[in-house]
Amino acid sequence: MSCLEQLDEIMEEQKRTLRSGVLRETQARRERLKRLYCCIKHGEQELLDALKQDLGKSPSEGYSTELGMVYHEIREAVEKLSSWNRPRRGKAGIASFPSKGYRVPEPVGEVLIMSPWNYPVQLSLAPLVAALSAGCPCVLKPSRYSEKVSLVLEKLLEEAFPLGEVAVFQGGSQENQLLLEKKWDTIFFTGSPAVGRVVMTAAAKHLTPVTLELGGKSPVIVDETADLDLAARRIMWGKLLNSGQTCVAPDYLLVERSRMEALVERLLAAAKKLYGPHPLKSPDYGRIINQKHFDRLTALLETSEQEGCRVLRVSEEKWDEESRGIAPAIVTGVNWESAVMQEELFGPILPVIPYDDLDDVLDTIIDRPTPLALYLFTRSRETARRVLREVPFGGGCVNDTVMHLTAPGLPFGGLGESGMGQYHGKAGFDVFTHYKSVLVSSPRVDMPMRYAPYGKYDKWIRRLMK
C-alpha cells in the first residue's frame, strides 16, 4: 500500500476486530502465528532474493540472521502461548480477606510497528510475531531503504491476513510522520536514536507507550588474559556480519596495550579467512545499503587518514562505488576525539584503542551514552563479574559477540539512549499485553472492621496491618 488514504478506514476495521474478541482466544492466536509461518515459508526464496538485492546478503546469512530467527520466534510462541496467555494468581493480602487476586492478560490494543532496513525481515516480523501472540492488530511500516524486501513483505502479509488484523504501509519520512500523528495503543520502533526521539515526541502527544530499540557505540574489551585467536575470530565475525550494518555489532575495540599488536594481526587474518584476500568479490560479503551511507563511511575512512590514524585492510581494494562495497578496515592510532569515535559506525570499520588501566576504560564507557551491547574477552571470572556489575549496557556477551540475540531465554533491548523496553519470546508477548489486576472477594464474609466507625477495631486493624 503506497498511500495512506485508507489508514483511517483500516484503523477503524482493526478497532472492530479488537472489540469482536476474535483475537483473544489462545487457539485463534496460535492459528494466526501458524499462518504467518506458512506465508514466510511460501515466500522464502523471494525474501532471500530481495535481501540479496537490497543488502547483498548471501542466502546463508539471510536465512540464519533473518528468516531462521523469525521461524524460531514463531515456534516458541506457538509452543508456549497457552502458558503465556492464562491468568496468573497474585497475592491478595490479609486486608481483603477472604479473596483471590489475579493478573489477567489482554491485548494492549492497536499497534504500530516501524522497522529498519538493516535486518528488514527479522526486525519487521519478530515484533509482529510478538504482537500476534498477544492478540493485537498491527500496522507495519517497513523501511523504504530496503525497498525490495518491503514490497515482498507487503505482498506476503496481504495474502495471509485481512487488513483488520495486519496492514502494511510503504513510504518514507512523510508517511512516517502521518502515521505518527495517529493515536495508537502502543508503538514499537527500531532504528536510530535520532529518529527514536521523533517517535517518542509524537507518541507523547497521545500518551502512547513506546518500545524503542535503538543503537549506540557498542564496545569490545580485550584484557591481558584473553584468548586472542578466539577473540579475533568472533570479533571480526560479529563486526562484518551484514557488512557491519548491525545495531549490536562491535563498534570499537579496547585492548590491553601489550596485546594490541598481536590482536590486530589476528583480526586481519580472521577477516581474510572469513571473506578471502579480495572480500569485495566474496559472494558472502554484503554491501552498504545506499549511496548516502556509503559516502558517510568512506568519508570517515579518509578523515581518519587525515587525522594521522592508520587504516589497515586485508587487500589493496578500499571500496567499490558501483557495488557499494567497503573492504573491512581496522583503524589504529585512534583516540576518543577521533572522527570514528563520534558516531555509531554501522559499517565494516573497527577503531582500536589501547588501554593501560581497566579502571580508566570502564569509567570512560560509563561516562559515555549507554551502549546497546558490550562484549568482553577475558579468562578472568573476577574481571567478568566486575564489568557486568559496574557497566550499564543493553545486553552482551563474555568471550563472544552478537550471539546473545539468538538465546531464546534472553530478552533483547537497550537502556538509556540505546532504547527502552525488551522483546523476544515471553518478553515480546509482554510488550503488547496489558495485565489487568483483578481482586475477587467472597460475598459470604464481610469483615466489619473495614467500615467506620473504627474505634473499637483500631487495635485489631493495626495488628493486622503489621
Protein backbone atom coordinates (compact mmCIF):
# COMPACT_ATOMS: atom_id res chain seq x y z
CA MET A 1 0.00 0.00 0.00
CA SER A 2 1.82 3.10 -1.23
CA CYS A 3 -0.51 5.77 0.20
CA LEU A 4 -2.29 6.45 3.47
CA GLU A 5 -5.74 7.18 2.04
CA GLN A 6 -7.17 4.05 3.67
CA LEU A 7 -5.42 4.45 7.02
CA ASP A 8 -8.41 5.79 8.98
CA GLU A 9 -10.65 3.11 7.50
CA ILE A 10 -8.14 0.37 8.34
CA MET A 11 -7.68 1.63 11.89
CA GLU A 12 -11.45 1.52 12.38
CA GLU A 13 -11.51 -2.01 10.98
CA GLN A 14 -8.76 -3.03 13.40
CA LYS A 15 -10.73 -1.49 16.28
CA ARG A 16 -13.73 -3.59 15.26
CA THR A 17 -11.52 -6.67 15.17
CA LEU A 18 -10.34 -5.94 18.70
CA ARG A 19 -13.87 -5.41 20.02
CA SER A 20 -15.13 -8.59 18.40
CA GLY A 21 -12.89 -10.65 20.68
CA VAL A 22 -11.69 -12.92 17.87
CA LEU A 23 -8.04 -12.24 18.79
CA ARG A 24 -8.44 -13.04 22.48
CA GLU A 25 -8.62 -16.81 22.30
CA THR A 26 -5.32 -18.65 22.52
CA GLN A 27 -6.18 -21.06 19.73
CA ALA A 28 -7.10 -18.23 17.36
CA ARG A 29 -3.76 -16.52 18.05
CA ARG A 30 -1.92 -19.79 17.52
CA GLU A 31 -3.63 -20.27 14.16
CA ARG A 32 -2.57 -16.79 13.06
CA LEU A 33 1.02 -17.48 14.05
CA LYS A 34 0.95 -20.69 12.02
CA ARG A 35 -0.48 -18.73 9.10
CA LEU A 36 2.42 -16.30 9.37
CA TYR A 37 4.88 -19.21 9.42
CA CYS A 38 3.33 -20.68 6.26
CA CYS A 39 3.32 -17.36 4.43
CA ILE A 40 7.04 -16.83 5.17
CA LYS A 41 7.81 -20.38 4.05
CA HIS A 42 5.85 -19.79 0.87
CA GLY A 43 7.78 -16.60 0.13
CA GLU A 44 11.15 -17.75 1.49
CA GLN A 45 13.03 -17.63 -1.79
CA GLU A 46 11.51 -14.25 -2.70
CA LEU A 47 12.65 -12.85 0.64
CA LEU A 48 16.16 -14.25 0.26
CA ASP A 49 16.40 -12.84 -3.27
CA ALA A 50 15.19 -9.45 -2.03
CA LEU A 51 17.77 -9.45 0.78
CA LYS A 52 20.45 -10.12 -1.81
CA GLN A 53 19.25 -7.21 -3.96
CA ASP A 54 18.90 -4.72 -1.10
CA LEU A 55 21.90 -5.60 1.05
CA GLY A 56 23.98 -8.12 -0.86
CA LYS A 57 23.24 -10.78 1.76
CA SER A 58 24.14 -14.34 0.84
CA PRO A 59 21.33 -16.91 1.15
CA SER A 60 23.06 -18.46 4.16
CA GLU A 61 23.39 -15.16 6.02
CA GLY A 62 19.87 -14.14 5.03
CA TYR A 63 18.43 -17.35 6.37
CA SER A 64 20.46 -17.57 9.58
CA THR A 65 20.17 -13.93 10.66
CA GLU A 66 16.71 -13.13 9.34
CA LEU A 67 14.27 -15.89 8.40
CA GLY A 68 15.63 -18.54 10.74
CA MET A 69 15.29 -16.26 13.75
CA VAL A 70 11.69 -15.42 12.82
CA TYR A 71 10.85 -19.11 12.43
CA HIS A 72 12.26 -19.69 15.90
CA GLU A 73 10.20 -16.84 17.38
CA ILE A 74 7.02 -18.30 15.86
CA ARG A 75 7.74 -21.83 17.10
CA GLU A 76 8.48 -20.53 20.59
CA ALA A 77 5.23 -18.54 20.67
CA VAL A 78 3.08 -21.41 19.33
CA GLU A 79 4.55 -23.83 21.85
CA LYS A 80 4.26 -21.59 24.91
CA LEU A 81 1.27 -19.38 24.14
CA SER A 82 -1.14 -21.32 26.35
CA SER A 83 1.09 -20.69 29.35
CA TRP A 84 1.69 -17.05 28.48
CA ASN A 85 -1.98 -16.25 27.94
CA ARG A 86 -3.51 -17.68 31.10
CA PRO A 87 -4.42 -15.62 34.17
CA ARG A 88 -1.85 -15.69 36.95
CA ARG A 89 -2.56 -15.79 40.66
CA GLY A 90 -1.35 -12.82 42.68
CA LYS A 91 -1.22 -12.45 46.45
CA ALA A 92 -4.40 -10.80 47.70
CA GLY A 93 -3.26 -9.85 51.21
CA ILE A 94 -4.86 -10.01 54.62
CA ALA A 95 -6.64 -6.65 54.25
CA SER A 96 -9.00 -8.09 51.63
CA PHE A 97 -9.55 -11.47 53.30
CA PRO A 98 -11.20 -13.64 52.09
CA SER A 99 -10.35 -13.01 48.44
CA LYS A 100 -8.19 -14.10 45.50
CA GLY A 101 -6.02 -11.99 43.22
CA TYR A 102 -5.36 -12.49 39.51
CA ARG A 103 -3.36 -10.86 36.72
CA VAL A 104 -5.40 -11.27 33.55
CA PRO A 105 -3.58 -10.72 30.21
CA GLU A 106 -5.35 -8.83 27.44
CA PRO A 107 -4.19 -7.25 24.14
CA VAL A 108 -2.86 -3.76 24.66
CA GLY A 109 -4.69 -2.62 21.50
CA GLU A 110 -3.78 -1.29 18.07
CA VAL A 111 -0.06 -1.46 17.34
CA LEU A 112 2.23 0.50 15.01
CA ILE A 113 5.47 -1.32 14.19
CA MET A 114 8.16 0.73 12.44
CA SER A 115 11.06 -1.38 11.24
CA PRO A 116 14.55 -0.54 9.89
CA TRP A 117 16.43 -1.51 6.76
CA ASN A 118 19.44 -3.41 8.10
CA TYR A 119 17.59 -6.62 9.05
CA PRO A 120 14.35 -5.84 7.25
CA VAL A 121 12.79 -9.30 7.57
CA GLN A 122 13.74 -10.15 11.14
CA LEU A 123 13.12 -6.68 12.59
CA SER A 124 9.74 -6.43 10.89
CA LEU A 125 8.43 -9.89 11.61
CA ALA A 126 9.82 -10.66 15.08
CA PRO A 127 7.84 -7.76 16.63
CA LEU A 128 4.85 -8.83 14.52
CA VAL A 129 5.10 -12.34 15.98
CA ALA A 130 5.03 -10.83 19.47
CA ALA A 131 2.03 -8.65 18.62
CA LEU A 132 0.06 -11.51 17.07
CA SER A 133 0.82 -13.76 20.04
CA ALA A 134 -0.61 -11.03 22.31
CA GLY A 135 -3.73 -10.69 20.16
CA CYS A 136 -3.04 -7.20 18.78
CA PRO A 137 -3.92 -5.99 15.27
CA CYS A 138 -0.95 -4.24 13.65
CA VAL A 139 0.09 -1.70 11.10
CA LEU A 140 3.60 -2.44 9.86
CA LYS A 141 5.71 0.32 8.32
CA PRO A 142 8.90 -1.18 6.81
CA SER A 143 11.83 0.95 5.67
CA ARG A 144 11.88 2.49 2.21
CA TYR A 145 15.65 1.90 2.02
CA SER A 146 15.19 -1.89 1.85
CA GLU A 147 12.63 -1.45 -0.91
CA LYS A 148 12.69 -4.94 -2.41
CA VAL A 149 12.19 -6.67 0.95
CA SER A 150 9.46 -4.22 1.95
CA LEU A 151 7.47 -4.98 -1.20
CA VAL A 152 7.76 -8.74 -0.70
CA LEU A 153 6.66 -8.41 2.93
CA GLU A 154 3.64 -6.38 1.88
CA LYS A 155 2.65 -8.95 -0.72
CA LEU A 156 3.02 -11.93 1.63
CA LEU A 157 1.24 -10.34 4.58
CA GLU A 158 -1.66 -9.05 2.48
CA GLU A 159 -2.17 -12.57 1.15
CA ALA A 160 -2.11 -14.06 4.66
CA PHE A 161 -4.09 -11.56 6.76
CA PRO A 162 -7.13 -9.32 6.42
CA LEU A 163 -6.41 -5.63 6.87
CA GLY A 164 -8.32 -5.72 10.15
CA GLU A 165 -5.51 -7.86 11.57
CA VAL A 166 -2.33 -6.82 9.73
CA ALA A 167 -1.79 -3.95 7.30
CA VAL A 168 1.44 -2.81 5.62
CA PHE A 169 2.16 0.77 4.57
CA GLN A 170 5.10 1.81 2.40
CA GLY A 171 6.83 5.17 2.09
CA GLY A 172 9.44 7.41 3.62
CA SER A 173 9.68 10.14 6.22
CA GLN A 174 6.45 11.86 5.12
CA GLU A 175 4.46 8.66 5.56
CA ASN A 176 6.18 8.03 8.90
CA GLN A 177 5.12 11.47 10.07
CA LEU A 178 1.49 10.88 9.04
CA LEU A 179 1.42 7.53 10.81
CA LEU A 180 2.86 9.05 13.97
CA GLU A 181 0.12 11.69 14.05
CA LYS A 182 -2.46 8.96 14.66
CA LYS A 183 -3.40 7.66 18.08
CA TRP A 184 -2.06 4.15 18.65
CA ASP A 185 -2.26 2.00 21.76
CA THR A 186 1.48 1.31 21.56
CA ILE A 187 4.33 1.98 19.12
CA PHE A 188 7.26 -0.37 18.52
CA PHE A 189 10.16 1.36 16.77
CA THR A 190 13.55 0.02 15.72
CA GLY A 191 16.08 2.47 14.34
CA SER A 192 18.44 5.29 15.20
CA PRO A 193 18.38 7.27 18.47
CA ALA A 194 17.70 10.46 16.47
CA VAL A 195 14.51 9.08 14.92
CA GLY A 196 13.66 7.41 18.23
CA ARG A 197 13.40 10.87 19.77
CA VAL A 198 10.99 11.92 17.00
CA VAL A 199 8.85 8.83 17.63
CA MET A 200 8.79 9.40 21.39
CA THR A 201 7.87 13.09 20.95
CA ALA A 202 4.97 12.20 18.65
CA ALA A 203 3.79 9.43 20.98
CA ALA A 204 3.81 11.79 23.96
CA LYS A 205 1.03 13.88 22.38
CA HIS A 206 -1.33 10.92 22.84
CA LEU A 207 0.35 9.47 25.96
CA THR A 208 1.13 6.42 23.83
CA PRO A 209 3.64 3.98 25.34
CA VAL A 210 6.63 3.16 23.16
CA THR A 211 9.20 0.42 22.83
CA LEU A 212 12.39 1.83 21.32
CA GLU A 213 15.09 -0.48 20.00
CA LEU A 214 17.87 1.95 19.13
CA GLY A 215 21.65 1.68 18.90
CA GLY A 216 24.89 3.24 20.01
CA LYS A 217 28.61 2.63 20.05
CA SER A 218 28.99 -0.89 21.44
CA PRO A 219 32.48 -1.52 22.87
CA VAL A 220 34.59 -4.66 22.92
CA ILE A 221 37.10 -5.05 25.77
CA VAL A 222 40.00 -7.49 25.35
CA ASP A 223 42.06 -7.86 28.50
CA GLU A 224 45.53 -9.33 29.06
CA THR A 225 44.17 -12.83 29.78
CA ALA A 226 42.02 -13.22 26.65
CA ASP A 227 42.42 -15.96 24.04
CA LEU A 228 43.46 -13.75 21.11
CA ASP A 229 42.73 -16.26 18.35
CA LEU A 230 39.20 -16.83 19.61
CA ALA A 231 38.68 -13.13 20.22
CA ALA A 232 39.82 -12.17 16.72
CA ARG A 233 37.55 -14.72 15.01
CA ARG A 234 34.46 -13.78 16.98
CA ILE A 235 35.05 -10.03 16.89
CA MET A 236 35.50 -9.96 13.12
CA TRP A 237 32.56 -12.28 12.55
CA GLY A 238 30.31 -10.02 14.61
CA LYS A 239 31.75 -6.87 13.09
CA LEU A 240 31.47 -7.92 9.44
CA LEU A 241 28.06 -9.58 9.65
CA ASN A 242 25.80 -7.70 7.23
CA SER A 243 28.88 -5.63 6.30
CA GLY A 244 28.87 -4.07 9.75
CA GLN A 245 25.27 -2.83 9.50
CA THR A 246 24.14 -4.45 12.72
CA CYS A 247 22.86 -2.48 15.71
CA VAL A 248 24.78 -4.72 18.15
CA ALA A 249 27.94 -5.02 16.03
CA PRO A 250 31.21 -4.36 17.85
CA ASP A 251 31.66 -0.65 17.21
CA TYR A 252 35.11 -0.11 18.68
CA LEU A 253 37.79 -2.21 20.37
CA LEU A 254 39.58 -1.54 23.65
CA VAL A 255 42.59 -3.81 24.07
CA GLU A 256 45.21 -4.05 26.79
CA ARG A 257 48.25 -2.27 25.32
CA SER A 258 50.74 -5.14 25.48
CA ARG A 259 48.39 -7.31 23.37
CA MET A 260 47.31 -4.78 20.79
CA GLU A 261 49.81 -5.59 18.02
CA ALA A 262 49.22 -9.33 18.25
CA LEU A 263 45.44 -8.88 18.25
CA VAL A 264 45.43 -6.55 15.23
CA GLU A 265 47.43 -9.12 13.26
CA ARG A 266 44.91 -11.79 14.18
CA LEU A 267 41.96 -9.54 13.32
CA LEU A 268 43.30 -9.02 9.79
CA ALA A 269 43.95 -12.74 9.43
CA ALA A 270 40.43 -13.54 10.67
CA ALA A 271 38.84 -11.13 8.16
CA LYS A 272 40.88 -12.71 5.36
CA LYS A 273 39.83 -16.18 6.42
CA LEU A 274 36.16 -15.17 6.52
CA TYR A 275 35.97 -13.43 3.15
CA GLY A 276 39.23 -14.21 1.35
CA PRO A 277 42.02 -11.89 0.16
CA HIS A 278 39.53 -9.95 -2.01
CA PRO A 279 36.45 -9.51 0.23
CA LEU A 280 34.69 -7.19 -2.22
CA LYS A 281 34.48 -10.15 -4.60
CA SER A 282 33.26 -12.62 -1.99
CA PRO A 283 29.67 -13.86 -2.50
CA ASP A 284 29.31 -13.95 1.29
CA TYR A 285 30.24 -10.31 1.89
CA GLY A 286 27.40 -7.78 1.94
CA ARG A 287 27.22 -4.23 0.69
CA ILE A 288 26.23 -0.85 2.09
CA ILE A 289 22.50 -0.13 1.85
CA ASN A 290 22.63 3.12 -0.15
CA GLN A 291 24.87 5.86 -1.51
CA LYS A 292 24.27 8.15 1.48
CA HIS A 293 25.70 5.65 3.94
CA PHE A 294 28.45 4.59 1.54
CA ASP A 295 29.60 8.21 1.24
CA ARG A 296 29.44 8.69 5.02
CA LEU A 297 31.64 5.64 5.70
CA THR A 298 34.23 6.37 3.01
CA ALA A 299 34.45 9.97 4.27
CA LEU A 300 35.13 8.65 7.79
CA LEU A 301 37.98 6.50 6.47
CA GLU A 302 39.51 9.43 4.58
CA THR A 303 39.15 11.68 7.62
CA SER A 304 40.85 9.06 9.79
CA GLU A 305 43.89 9.05 7.50
CA GLN A 306 43.96 12.86 7.51
CA GLU A 307 43.93 12.76 11.33
CA GLY A 308 47.06 10.60 11.26
CA CYS A 309 45.32 7.30 12.03
CA ARG A 310 46.46 4.13 10.27
CA VAL A 311 43.84 2.27 8.21
CA LEU A 312 44.66 -1.43 7.80
CA ARG A 313 42.97 -3.70 5.25
CA VAL A 314 43.31 -7.31 4.11
CA SER A 315 43.77 -6.20 0.48
CA GLU A 316 44.64 -3.13 -1.57
CA GLU A 317 41.00 -2.66 -2.52
CA LYS A 318 39.45 0.07 -0.37
CA TRP A 319 35.90 0.13 -1.73
CA ASP A 320 33.85 -0.23 -4.88
CA GLU A 321 31.41 2.60 -5.52
CA GLU A 322 29.45 0.71 -8.16
CA SER A 323 28.54 -2.16 -5.83
CA ARG A 324 28.72 -0.01 -2.67
CA GLY A 325 31.10 -2.49 -1.09
CA ILE A 326 33.63 -1.33 1.50
CA ALA A 327 36.52 -3.62 2.43
CA PRO A 328 36.97 -4.43 6.13
CA ALA A 329 39.09 -1.73 7.75
CA ILE A 330 40.87 -1.68 11.12
CA VAL A 331 41.80 1.81 12.28
CA THR A 332 44.66 2.24 14.74
CA GLY A 333 46.14 5.38 16.26
CA VAL A 334 42.64 6.32 17.37
CA ASN A 335 41.73 8.37 20.45
CA TRP A 336 38.39 9.32 21.99
CA GLU A 337 38.27 12.54 19.94
CA SER A 338 38.84 10.86 16.55
CA ALA A 339 36.11 11.17 13.92
CA VAL A 340 35.37 7.42 14.02
CA MET A 341 34.58 7.72 17.74
CA GLN A 342 31.94 10.44 17.38
CA GLU A 343 29.08 8.37 15.92
CA GLU A 344 27.84 4.81 15.62
CA LEU A 345 29.73 3.48 12.60
CA PHE A 346 27.24 0.98 11.19
CA GLY A 347 29.77 -0.29 8.68
CA PRO A 348 32.85 -2.54 8.33
CA ILE A 349 35.20 -0.16 10.18
CA LEU A 350 36.74 -1.15 13.53
CA PRO A 351 38.65 1.50 15.52
CA VAL A 352 41.16 0.10 18.03
CA ILE A 353 42.22 1.94 21.18
CA PRO A 354 44.87 0.51 23.54
CA TYR A 355 44.46 0.89 27.30
CA ASP A 356 46.78 0.62 30.29
CA ASP A 357 44.31 0.65 33.15
CA LEU A 358 40.96 -1.16 33.09
CA ASP A 359 39.59 1.29 35.68
CA ASP A 360 40.05 4.17 33.25
CA VAL A 361 38.39 2.22 30.43
CA LEU A 362 35.34 1.37 32.49
CA ASP A 363 35.00 4.94 33.74
CA THR A 364 35.11 6.24 30.16
CA ILE A 365 32.46 3.77 28.94
CA ILE A 366 30.22 4.63 31.89
CA ASP A 367 30.56 8.36 31.16
CA ARG A 368 29.51 7.91 27.52
CA PRO A 369 25.92 7.20 26.31
CA THR A 370 24.79 3.73 27.40
CA PRO A 371 25.68 1.20 24.67
CA LEU A 372 23.17 -1.27 23.26
CA ALA A 373 25.74 -4.06 23.63
CA LEU A 374 29.06 -4.70 25.37
CA TYR A 375 31.49 -7.54 24.72
CA LEU A 376 34.29 -8.71 26.98
CA PHE A 377 37.04 -11.19 26.17
CA THR A 378 38.77 -12.48 29.27
CA ARG A 379 39.71 -15.65 31.12
CA SER A 380 39.27 -13.88 34.46
CA ARG A 381 35.99 -14.56 36.21
CA GLU A 382 36.63 -11.67 38.54
CA THR A 383 37.05 -9.26 35.62
CA ALA A 384 33.87 -10.58 34.01
CA ARG A 385 31.92 -10.17 37.26
CA ARG A 386 33.25 -6.67 37.72
CA VAL A 387 32.44 -5.44 34.21
CA LEU A 388 28.95 -6.95 34.27
CA ARG A 389 28.32 -5.43 37.70
CA GLU A 390 29.67 -1.93 37.09
CA VAL A 391 28.96 -1.04 33.45
CA PRO A 392 25.39 -0.34 32.24
CA PHE A 393 24.50 -1.68 28.77
CA GLY A 394 21.55 -3.27 27.00
CA GLY A 395 22.93 -6.80 26.63
CA GLY A 396 26.10 -8.54 25.57
CA CYS A 397 28.47 -11.47 25.75
CA VAL A 398 31.54 -12.67 27.57
CA ASN A 399 34.01 -14.24 25.10
CA ASP A 400 31.65 -13.79 22.15
CA THR A 401 29.83 -11.15 20.12
CA VAL A 402 26.24 -10.72 18.87
CA MET A 403 25.16 -14.25 19.88
CA HIS A 404 23.11 -13.09 22.88
CA LEU A 405 20.41 -12.17 20.34
CA THR A 406 19.94 -15.84 19.47
CA ALA A 407 19.33 -17.06 23.04
CA PRO A 408 15.56 -17.69 23.38
CA GLY A 409 15.54 -17.07 27.13
CA LEU A 410 17.32 -13.70 26.94
CA PRO A 411 15.10 -10.67 26.24
CA PHE A 412 16.68 -8.10 23.94
CA GLY A 413 16.60 -4.34 24.43
CA GLY A 414 18.54 -1.21 25.22
CA LEU A 415 18.99 1.15 28.12
CA GLY A 416 19.09 4.94 28.20
CA GLU A 417 19.97 6.32 24.76
CA SER A 418 20.19 2.79 23.32
CA GLY A 419 16.48 2.18 23.86
CA MET A 420 13.71 1.22 26.24
CA GLY A 421 11.72 -1.99 26.56
CA GLN A 422 12.67 -5.56 25.67
CA TYR A 423 11.31 -8.28 23.43
CA HIS A 424 11.87 -11.83 22.08
CA GLY A 425 9.91 -14.77 23.45
CA LYS A 426 7.78 -14.07 26.53
CA ALA A 427 9.23 -10.55 26.80
CA GLY A 428 7.80 -9.78 23.35
CA PHE A 429 4.37 -11.07 24.40
CA ASP A 430 4.56 -8.81 27.46
CA VAL A 431 5.34 -5.72 25.33
CA PHE A 432 1.94 -5.99 23.64
CA THR A 433 -0.02 -7.24 26.66
CA HIS A 434 -1.75 -5.35 29.47
CA TYR A 435 -2.15 -7.31 32.69
CA LYS A 436 -5.41 -6.42 34.43
CA SER A 437 -5.11 -6.83 38.19
CA VAL A 438 -8.37 -8.27 39.48
CA LEU A 439 -9.41 -8.98 43.08
CA VAL A 440 -12.24 -11.48 43.54
CA SER A 441 -13.76 -11.06 47.01
CA SER A 442 -16.05 -13.54 48.72
CA PRO A 443 -19.69 -12.42 49.05
CA ARG A 444 -20.14 -14.73 52.05
CA VAL A 445 -17.86 -12.95 54.51
CA ASP A 446 -17.87 -9.20 55.11
CA MET A 447 -15.29 -8.12 57.67
CA PRO A 448 -16.85 -5.37 59.86
CA MET A 449 -13.52 -3.77 60.75
CA ARG A 450 -13.21 -2.22 57.27
CA TYR A 451 -16.15 0.08 57.91
CA ALA A 452 -16.47 3.18 60.10
CA PRO A 453 -16.75 3.86 62.95
CA TYR A 454 -13.32 2.34 63.54
CA GLY A 455 -12.82 2.95 67.24
CA LYS A 456 -13.45 -0.49 68.66
CA TYR A 457 -11.46 -2.17 65.88
CA ASP A 458 -8.48 0.15 65.91
CA LYS A 459 -6.07 -2.16 67.73
CA TRP A 460 -7.08 -5.12 65.52
CA ILE A 461 -6.59 -3.06 62.36
CA ARG A 462 -3.09 -2.01 63.48
CA ARG A 463 -2.19 -5.59 64.42
CA LEU A 464 -3.38 -6.97 61.08
CA MET A 465 -1.60 -4.29 59.06
CA LYS A 466 1.67 -5.08 60.84
